[in-house]
Protein backbone atom coordinates (compact mmCIF):
# COMPACT_ATOMS: atom_id res chain seq x y z
CA UNK A 1 8.35 -14.93 -22.92
CA UNK A 2 10.24 -14.32 -19.64
CA UNK A 3 8.85 -11.81 -17.14
CA UNK A 4 12.17 -10.00 -17.18
CA UNK A 5 11.51 -8.46 -20.61
CA UNK A 6 12.17 -4.72 -20.72
CA UNK A 7 8.77 -3.84 -22.16
CA UNK A 8 5.34 -5.43 -21.78
CA UNK A 9 4.34 -7.88 -24.48
CA UNK A 10 1.67 -10.46 -25.08
CA UNK A 11 2.72 -13.88 -23.79
CA UNK A 12 0.76 -17.10 -24.35
CA UNK A 13 -1.17 -17.96 -21.22
CA UNK A 14 -3.50 -20.77 -20.33
CA UNK A 15 -6.33 -21.16 -17.85
CA UNK A 16 -5.77 -22.62 -14.41
CA UNK A 17 -6.81 -26.24 -13.86
CA UNK A 18 -10.48 -26.56 -12.73
CA UNK A 19 -10.02 -27.04 -8.97
CA UNK A 20 -7.30 -24.40 -8.79
CA UNK A 21 -9.54 -21.96 -10.68
CA UNK A 22 -12.47 -22.54 -8.30
CA UNK A 23 -10.28 -22.07 -5.24
CA UNK A 24 -8.67 -18.99 -6.78
CA UNK A 25 -12.09 -17.44 -7.48
CA UNK A 26 -13.35 -18.24 -3.98
CA UNK A 27 -10.27 -16.72 -2.34
CA UNK A 28 -10.59 -13.57 -4.44
CA UNK A 29 -14.25 -13.18 -3.44
CA UNK A 30 -13.48 -13.71 0.24
CA UNK A 31 -10.66 -11.20 0.00
CA UNK A 32 -13.14 -8.66 -1.38
CA UNK A 33 -15.70 -9.35 1.35
CA UNK A 34 -13.19 -9.23 4.23
CA UNK A 35 -12.19 -5.63 3.47
CA UNK A 36 -9.95 -5.29 6.48
CA UNK A 37 -8.50 -1.92 5.42
CA UNK A 38 -11.90 -0.20 5.40
CA UNK A 39 -12.95 -2.11 8.52
CA UNK A 40 -9.94 -0.70 10.38
CA UNK A 41 -10.19 2.89 9.11
CA UNK A 42 -11.46 5.15 11.94
CA UNK A 43 -14.39 7.44 11.19
CA UNK A 44 -14.91 11.09 12.20
CA UNK A 45 -11.21 11.89 12.24
CA UNK A 46 -11.94 15.62 12.21
CA UNK A 47 -13.97 15.23 15.38
CA UNK A 48 -11.17 13.18 16.95
CA UNK A 49 -8.66 15.92 16.16
CA UNK A 50 -10.83 18.74 17.53
CA UNK A 51 -11.46 16.83 20.74
CA UNK A 52 -7.75 16.02 21.12
CA UNK A 53 -6.74 19.63 20.50
CA UNK A 54 -9.33 20.91 22.98
CA UNK A 55 -7.87 18.63 25.65
CA UNK A 56 -4.44 20.23 25.28
CA UNK A 57 -3.19 17.22 23.28
CA UNK A 58 -3.66 14.86 26.21
CA UNK A 59 -6.87 12.87 25.67
CA UNK A 60 -8.22 11.00 22.66
CA UNK A 61 -11.77 9.77 22.27
CA UNK A 62 -12.14 6.04 21.54
CA UNK A 63 -11.72 5.29 17.84
CA UNK A 64 -14.92 4.38 16.00
CA UNK A 65 -15.30 2.28 12.86
CA UNK A 66 -17.87 1.34 10.25
CA UNK A 67 -20.19 -1.55 11.00
CA UNK A 68 -19.09 -4.81 9.47
CA UNK A 69 -21.33 -6.32 6.79
CA UNK A 70 -19.90 -9.83 6.93
CA UNK A 71 -20.33 -12.75 9.30
CA UNK A 72 -16.70 -13.41 10.18
CA UNK A 73 -17.33 -16.90 11.57
CA UNK A 74 -19.16 -17.91 8.41
CA UNK A 75 -16.41 -16.39 6.25
CA UNK A 76 -13.76 -18.34 8.16
CA UNK A 77 -15.78 -21.54 7.73
CA UNK A 78 -16.03 -21.00 3.96
CA UNK A 79 -12.33 -20.23 3.81
CA UNK A 80 -11.21 -23.36 5.64
CA UNK A 81 -13.62 -25.54 3.63
CA UNK A 82 -11.87 -24.78 0.35
CA UNK A 83 -10.35 -27.93 -1.23
CA UNK A 84 -6.80 -26.63 -1.32
CA UNK A 85 -5.38 -30.15 -1.02
CA UNK A 86 -7.09 -31.10 -4.31
CA UNK A 87 -5.48 -28.33 -6.35
CA UNK A 88 -3.88 -30.03 -9.34
CA UNK A 89 -0.50 -28.25 -9.31
CA UNK A 90 1.85 -28.26 -6.29
CA UNK A 91 3.01 -24.80 -7.36
CA UNK A 92 -0.54 -23.39 -7.35
CA UNK A 93 -1.42 -25.33 -4.21
CA UNK A 94 1.45 -23.66 -2.37
CA UNK A 95 0.44 -20.14 -3.44
CA UNK A 96 -3.27 -20.64 -2.77
CA UNK A 97 -2.60 -22.30 0.59
CA UNK A 98 -0.37 -19.40 1.58
CA UNK A 99 -3.14 -16.96 0.65
CA UNK A 100 -5.73 -19.01 2.54
CA UNK A 101 -3.64 -18.76 5.70
CA UNK A 102 -3.23 -15.01 5.23
CA UNK A 103 -6.95 -14.47 4.72
CA UNK A 104 -7.66 -16.44 7.89
CA UNK A 105 -5.37 -13.99 9.68
CA UNK A 106 -7.26 -11.08 8.08
CA UNK A 107 -10.53 -12.45 9.44
CA UNK A 108 -8.96 -12.79 12.87
CA UNK A 109 -7.52 -9.27 12.66
CA UNK A 110 -10.95 -7.76 12.00
CA UNK A 111 -12.58 -9.94 14.66
CA UNK A 112 -10.08 -8.71 17.26
CA UNK A 113 -10.60 -5.04 16.36
CA UNK A 114 -10.47 -2.94 19.51
CA UNK A 115 -9.25 -5.78 21.78
CA UNK A 116 -5.93 -6.47 23.51
CA UNK A 117 -5.23 -9.33 21.12
CA UNK A 118 -5.21 -7.10 18.05
CA UNK A 119 -1.52 -6.17 18.16
CA UNK A 120 -0.47 -9.82 18.25
CA UNK A 121 -2.67 -10.56 15.23
CA UNK A 122 -1.21 -7.57 13.39
CA UNK A 123 2.36 -8.66 14.15
CA UNK A 124 1.49 -12.11 12.78
CA UNK A 125 0.28 -10.55 9.54
CA UNK A 126 2.58 -7.60 8.89
CA UNK A 127 5.51 -8.16 11.23
CA UNK A 128 6.91 -5.55 13.55
CA UNK A 129 9.82 -3.14 13.40
CA UNK A 130 13.28 -4.69 13.18
CA UNK A 131 16.23 -2.87 14.71
CA UNK A 132 17.73 -1.89 11.36
CA UNK A 133 14.48 -0.35 10.13
CA UNK A 134 13.99 1.60 13.35
CA UNK A 135 17.57 2.88 13.11
CA UNK A 136 16.97 3.97 9.50
CA UNK A 137 13.77 5.74 10.51
CA UNK A 138 15.52 7.59 13.33
CA UNK A 139 18.37 8.57 10.99
CA UNK A 140 15.86 10.00 8.51
CA UNK A 141 14.06 11.98 11.20
CA UNK A 142 17.39 13.31 12.48
CA UNK A 143 19.15 14.05 9.17
CA UNK A 144 16.61 14.66 6.41
CA UNK A 145 15.75 18.36 6.24
CA UNK A 146 12.28 19.83 6.12
CA UNK A 147 11.56 20.98 2.61
CA UNK A 148 10.50 24.44 1.55
CA UNK A 149 6.99 25.07 2.79
CA UNK A 150 4.51 24.85 -0.07
CA UNK A 151 1.02 26.29 0.21
CA UNK A 152 -1.80 23.74 0.35
CA UNK A 153 -3.42 25.47 -2.61
CA UNK A 154 -5.23 22.52 -4.20
CA UNK A 155 -8.52 21.01 -3.08
CA UNK A 156 -10.92 18.30 -4.13
CA UNK A 157 -11.79 19.87 -7.49
CA UNK A 158 -8.16 20.04 -8.62
CA UNK A 159 -7.49 16.51 -7.39
CA UNK A 160 -10.54 15.03 -9.12
CA UNK A 161 -9.58 16.78 -12.36
CA UNK A 162 -6.08 15.26 -12.17
CA UNK A 163 -7.53 11.83 -11.36
CA UNK A 164 -9.93 11.95 -14.29
CA UNK A 165 -7.16 13.06 -16.67
CA UNK A 166 -5.01 10.18 -15.45
CA UNK A 167 -7.78 7.61 -15.77
CA UNK A 168 -8.60 8.80 -19.28
CA UNK A 169 -4.93 8.37 -20.28
CA UNK A 170 -5.10 4.72 -19.19
CA UNK A 171 -8.50 4.10 -20.76
CA UNK A 172 -7.15 5.23 -24.13
CA UNK A 173 -4.45 2.56 -23.89
CA UNK A 174 -6.53 -0.14 -22.22
CA UNK A 175 -10.31 0.16 -22.74
CA UNK A 176 -10.93 -2.26 -19.89
CA UNK A 177 -9.13 -0.03 -17.39
CA UNK A 178 -11.77 1.16 -14.91
CA UNK A 179 -12.21 2.23 -11.33
CA UNK A 180 -15.01 3.69 -9.28
CA UNK A 181 -13.98 7.03 -7.75
CA UNK A 182 -15.47 7.55 -4.29
CA UNK A 183 -15.27 10.91 -2.51
CA UNK A 184 -15.44 10.34 1.24
CA UNK A 185 -14.63 12.64 4.15
CA UNK A 186 -14.06 9.72 6.54
CA UNK A 187 -11.40 7.51 4.92
CA UNK A 188 -8.49 8.54 7.17
CA UNK A 189 -6.17 9.08 4.16
CA UNK A 190 -5.91 11.71 1.45
CA UNK A 191 -6.20 9.01 -1.20
CA UNK A 192 -6.26 5.24 -1.17
CA UNK A 193 -7.17 2.25 -3.31
CA UNK A 194 -9.01 -0.72 -1.89
CA UNK A 195 -10.02 -3.68 -4.08
CA UNK A 196 -9.74 -1.64 -7.23
CA UNK A 197 -11.81 1.32 -5.98
CA UNK A 198 -10.17 4.75 -5.73
CA UNK A 199 -11.06 6.73 -2.59
CA UNK A 200 -10.25 10.41 -2.06
CA UNK A 201 -10.84 12.58 0.99
CA UNK A 202 -13.57 15.12 0.20
CA UNK A 203 -11.80 17.69 2.37
CA UNK A 204 -8.36 17.16 0.85
CA UNK A 205 -5.92 20.10 0.80
CA UNK A 206 -2.39 19.75 -0.51
CA UNK A 207 0.19 21.59 -2.63
CA UNK A 208 -0.28 21.31 -6.38
CA UNK A 209 3.22 19.80 -6.60
CA UNK A 210 2.08 16.79 -4.57
CA UNK A 211 -0.97 15.90 -6.67
CA UNK A 212 0.85 14.01 -9.42
CA UNK A 213 3.16 12.06 -7.08
CA UNK A 214 0.18 10.85 -5.04
CA UNK A 215 -1.83 10.09 -8.18
CA UNK A 216 1.11 8.01 -9.44
CA UNK A 217 1.29 6.24 -6.08
CA UNK A 218 -2.40 5.29 -6.06
CA UNK A 219 -3.27 4.98 -9.76
CA UNK A 220 0.15 4.33 -11.30
CA UNK A 221 0.93 1.63 -8.74
CA UNK A 222 -2.11 0.22 -6.96
CA UNK A 223 -4.61 0.47 -9.81
CA UNK A 224 -2.15 -0.43 -12.56
CA UNK A 225 -1.00 -3.57 -10.72
CA UNK A 226 -4.65 -4.40 -9.98
CA UNK A 227 -5.41 -4.12 -13.70
CA UNK A 228 -2.33 -6.11 -14.72
CA UNK A 229 -3.10 -8.77 -12.13
CA UNK A 230 -6.70 -9.03 -13.34
CA UNK A 231 -5.35 -9.96 -16.78
CA UNK A 232 -3.46 -12.94 -15.35
CA UNK A 233 -4.95 -16.45 -15.11
CA UNK A 234 -4.33 -16.38 -11.33
CA UNK A 235 -6.77 -13.88 -9.79
CA UNK A 236 -4.63 -13.61 -6.66
CA UNK A 237 -2.26 -11.42 -8.68
CA UNK A 238 -5.02 -8.79 -8.77
CA UNK A 239 -6.13 -8.98 -5.12
CA UNK A 240 -2.62 -9.76 -3.91
CA UNK A 241 -0.58 -12.83 -3.12
CA UNK A 242 0.26 -13.27 0.56
CA UNK A 243 2.48 -10.57 2.07
CA UNK A 244 2.25 -8.30 -0.98
CA UNK A 245 1.86 -5.05 1.01
CA UNK A 246 5.54 -4.14 1.45
CA UNK A 247 6.37 -4.30 -2.25
CA UNK A 248 3.16 -2.50 -3.22
CA UNK A 249 3.84 0.39 -0.87
CA UNK A 250 7.51 0.46 -1.83
CA UNK A 251 6.48 0.73 -5.48
CA UNK A 252 4.00 3.44 -4.57
CA UNK A 253 6.66 5.57 -2.90
CA UNK A 254 9.06 4.87 -5.78
CA UNK A 255 6.34 6.17 -8.13
CA UNK A 256 6.28 9.44 -6.20
CA UNK A 257 10.03 9.79 -6.74
CA UNK A 258 9.78 8.89 -10.43
CA UNK A 259 6.92 11.39 -10.80
CA UNK A 260 9.39 14.09 -9.82
CA UNK A 261 8.65 15.04 -6.23
CA UNK A 262 9.20 12.90 -3.15
CA UNK A 263 9.85 15.61 -0.59
CA UNK A 264 12.02 15.30 2.48
CA UNK A 265 8.91 15.85 4.58
CA UNK A 266 7.19 12.93 2.85
CA UNK A 267 10.17 10.66 3.61
CA UNK A 268 10.08 11.91 7.20
CA UNK A 269 6.41 10.93 7.43
CA UNK A 270 7.25 7.38 6.34
CA UNK A 271 10.01 7.26 8.96
CA UNK A 272 7.66 8.66 11.61
CA UNK A 273 5.21 5.85 10.85
CA UNK A 274 7.90 3.33 11.75
CA UNK A 275 8.57 5.08 15.06
CA UNK A 276 4.82 5.26 15.75
CA UNK A 277 4.31 1.56 15.02
CA UNK A 278 7.23 0.65 17.28
CA UNK A 279 5.73 2.73 20.08
CA UNK A 280 2.28 1.20 19.55
CA UNK A 281 3.75 -2.30 19.74
CA UNK A 282 5.24 -1.35 23.11
CA UNK A 283 1.90 -0.14 24.48
CA UNK A 284 2.15 3.62 23.96
CA UNK A 285 -1.05 5.50 23.19
CA UNK A 286 -1.96 8.17 20.66
CA UNK A 287 -1.10 11.09 22.96
CA UNK A 288 2.40 9.74 23.71
CA UNK A 289 3.10 8.98 20.05
CA UNK A 290 1.86 12.44 19.05
CA UNK A 291 4.14 14.08 21.63
CA UNK A 292 7.20 12.13 20.43
CA UNK A 293 6.58 12.96 16.78
CA UNK A 294 5.69 16.60 17.30
CA UNK A 295 8.00 17.63 20.13
CA UNK A 296 11.04 15.43 19.48
CA UNK A 297 10.93 14.93 15.73
CA UNK A 298 9.33 18.30 14.83
CA UNK A 299 6.47 16.99 12.72
CA UNK A 300 3.53 19.37 12.25
CA UNK A 301 0.64 18.72 14.61
CA UNK A 302 -1.69 17.44 11.88
CA UNK A 303 0.87 14.96 10.55
CA UNK A 304 1.83 13.80 14.04
CA UNK A 305 -1.79 13.19 14.99
CA UNK A 306 -2.64 11.42 11.73
CA UNK A 307 0.36 9.10 12.07
CA UNK A 308 -0.44 8.35 15.72
CA UNK A 309 -4.06 7.48 14.93
CA UNK A 310 -3.00 5.28 11.99
CA UNK A 311 -0.61 3.36 14.26
CA UNK A 312 -3.37 2.69 16.79
CA UNK A 313 -6.02 1.64 14.27
CA UNK A 314 -7.85 -1.41 15.50
CA UNK A 315 -5.69 -1.42 18.62
CA UNK A 316 -2.24 -1.25 17.01
CA UNK A 317 -1.95 -1.82 13.25
CA UNK A 318 1.68 -2.49 12.34
CA UNK A 319 1.16 -2.22 8.57
CA UNK A 320 2.42 1.38 8.44
CA UNK A 321 5.99 0.19 8.98
CA UNK A 322 5.94 -1.54 5.57
CA UNK A 323 6.05 1.75 3.63
CA UNK A 324 9.62 2.53 4.62
CA UNK A 325 10.56 -1.14 4.89
CA UNK A 326 9.17 -1.84 1.44
CA UNK A 327 10.98 1.18 -0.02
CA UNK A 328 14.26 0.10 1.58
CA UNK A 329 13.97 -3.42 0.14
CA UNK A 330 12.92 -2.15 -3.28
CA UNK A 331 15.87 0.25 -3.44
CA UNK A 332 18.19 -2.65 -2.59
CA UNK A 333 16.55 -4.61 -5.42
CA UNK A 334 17.23 -1.76 -7.86
CA UNK A 335 20.79 -1.27 -6.56
CA UNK A 336 21.42 -4.92 -7.46
CA UNK A 337 20.58 -4.07 -11.07
CA UNK A 338 17.28 -5.95 -11.06
CA UNK A 339 14.52 -4.85 -13.48
CA UNK A 340 11.50 -2.79 -12.46
CA UNK A 341 8.95 -3.89 -15.09
CA UNK A 342 8.38 -7.47 -13.81
CA UNK A 343 7.34 -6.06 -10.42
CA UNK A 344 4.27 -4.54 -12.08
CA UNK A 345 2.54 -7.71 -13.33
CA UNK A 346 0.31 -7.78 -10.24
CA UNK A 347 0.45 -7.69 -6.45
CA UNK A 348 2.99 -9.96 -4.79
CA UNK A 349 5.99 -9.97 -2.47
CA UNK A 350 9.60 -9.63 -3.61
CA UNK A 351 10.10 -13.15 -2.29
CA UNK A 352 7.66 -14.42 -4.94
CA UNK A 353 9.85 -13.47 -7.91
CA UNK A 354 11.16 -16.99 -8.51
CA UNK A 355 7.67 -18.42 -8.12
CA UNK A 356 6.38 -15.97 -10.74
CA UNK A 357 9.01 -17.17 -13.19
CA UNK A 358 7.79 -20.70 -12.52
CA UNK A 359 4.19 -19.60 -13.13
CA UNK A 360 5.26 -18.04 -16.42
CA UNK A 361 6.95 -21.29 -17.40
CA UNK A 362 3.59 -23.05 -16.95
CA UNK A 363 1.73 -20.35 -18.91
CA UNK A 364 0.02 -18.97 -15.77
CA UNK A 365 1.69 -15.55 -15.75
CA UNK A 366 2.60 -13.01 -18.43
CA UNK A 367 4.38 -9.63 -18.55
CA UNK A 368 2.34 -6.59 -17.52
CA UNK A 369 -0.32 -5.48 -19.98
CA UNK A 370 0.09 -1.84 -18.95
CA UNK A 371 2.91 0.29 -17.58
CA UNK A 372 2.48 3.37 -15.37
CA UNK A 373 2.27 6.73 -17.05
CA UNK A 374 5.50 7.90 -15.44
CA UNK A 375 7.37 5.51 -17.78
CA UNK A 376 6.47 7.96 -20.57
CA UNK A 377 8.07 10.99 -18.91
CA UNK A 378 11.10 12.28 -20.87
CA UNK A 379 13.21 12.13 -17.71
CA UNK A 380 12.14 8.64 -16.65
CA UNK A 381 15.35 6.79 -17.51
CA UNK A 382 17.47 9.39 -15.74
CA UNK A 383 15.25 9.29 -12.66
CA UNK A 384 15.31 5.49 -12.57
CA UNK A 385 19.12 5.54 -12.88
CA UNK A 386 19.20 7.86 -9.86
CA UNK A 387 17.11 5.35 -7.90
CA UNK A 388 19.70 2.65 -8.63
CA UNK A 389 22.41 4.78 -6.98
CA UNK A 390 20.60 6.63 -4.19
CA UNK A 391 20.45 5.31 -0.63
CA UNK A 392 17.17 5.32 1.25
CA UNK A 393 18.43 8.06 3.57
CA UNK A 394 18.89 10.36 0.56
CA UNK A 395 15.78 9.29 -1.33
CA UNK A 396 13.99 12.64 -1.53
CA UNK A 397 13.85 15.88 -3.53
CA UNK A 398 14.51 19.36 -2.24
CA UNK A 399 12.29 20.92 -4.91
CA UNK A 400 9.58 19.67 -7.29
CA UNK A 401 10.89 18.74 -10.73
CA UNK A 402 10.09 21.39 -13.37
């Protein structure tokens, strides 16, 4: 059955050949061990903010990180020793070799944490900011209005209740759907998913209207594609084929829109991340990025500081530019009349679509086993039709959907 089917269905699949399966398993395990996202998430962000504020927004303490629990040299040795050249299928060999090269770059990225070479390693992995993307970001910051101020009237209890309700909805449809929920005050994000684990900031405060959009971003995108990928013969579709980040984050932001509330301020944050990454690439520090975002682009102080710190993670992490870049490319994909469902079979890049059709032809990929909950909303088809006609600059809501 082709991956372009409108609804998920069971498709005959077969196991990977023996060498390919061993390499696939080894790459997935190494990907789990080299948890670069957690390794590059600063700790004690509240303390950083208080110190920065006390200095009159001029000085930032050095960023601190968790201790690494992996021998990076040994991990790189294991990675390069994998018998990629003996993989039985040229198609699988190409995908697994591509992932091997990306994981080697992940190891190098973590090894260079806090050094001058970090930015170059990040550019090699995630790219930089092209002129068109920077122009789009500046247009958004100039033209997209601030939304109506909503009280941050929801905390950790309300968020955890919404998360549990969401997880139970999926468990009823797929008994194998599971995630560990970790409450942590030092993750540097309100919510995030890493290797199938859901993390939420213990001190989270946000408007009630933003809970469901963010839940759909993290659970409806990152966990659902993790689950769908884990049901594929190729484990890389769960952990992510090379360069999967842009499409994943684009889908996550799309989920916020389809959940009924992607605010203008949220779109402005994504644009501000692009500006911050561009400044970090050119050697600007947290204080300068904060000043640009707060004074020039009128972002609130907490958002401006958070974005500046994220851009300087590790020494200059360029990944934050992929949120807006991924959304832009995904909107272009939808404008071309392409289907949404096949993008949910796992974690991959838009450029892998043809390869996935080839995998399906060999019985190594099948349609998604599970679709996000927002597909069940009565207004889903109308909202998706809007996405196929709305430009990125106008991709926001003035008010939460009723």
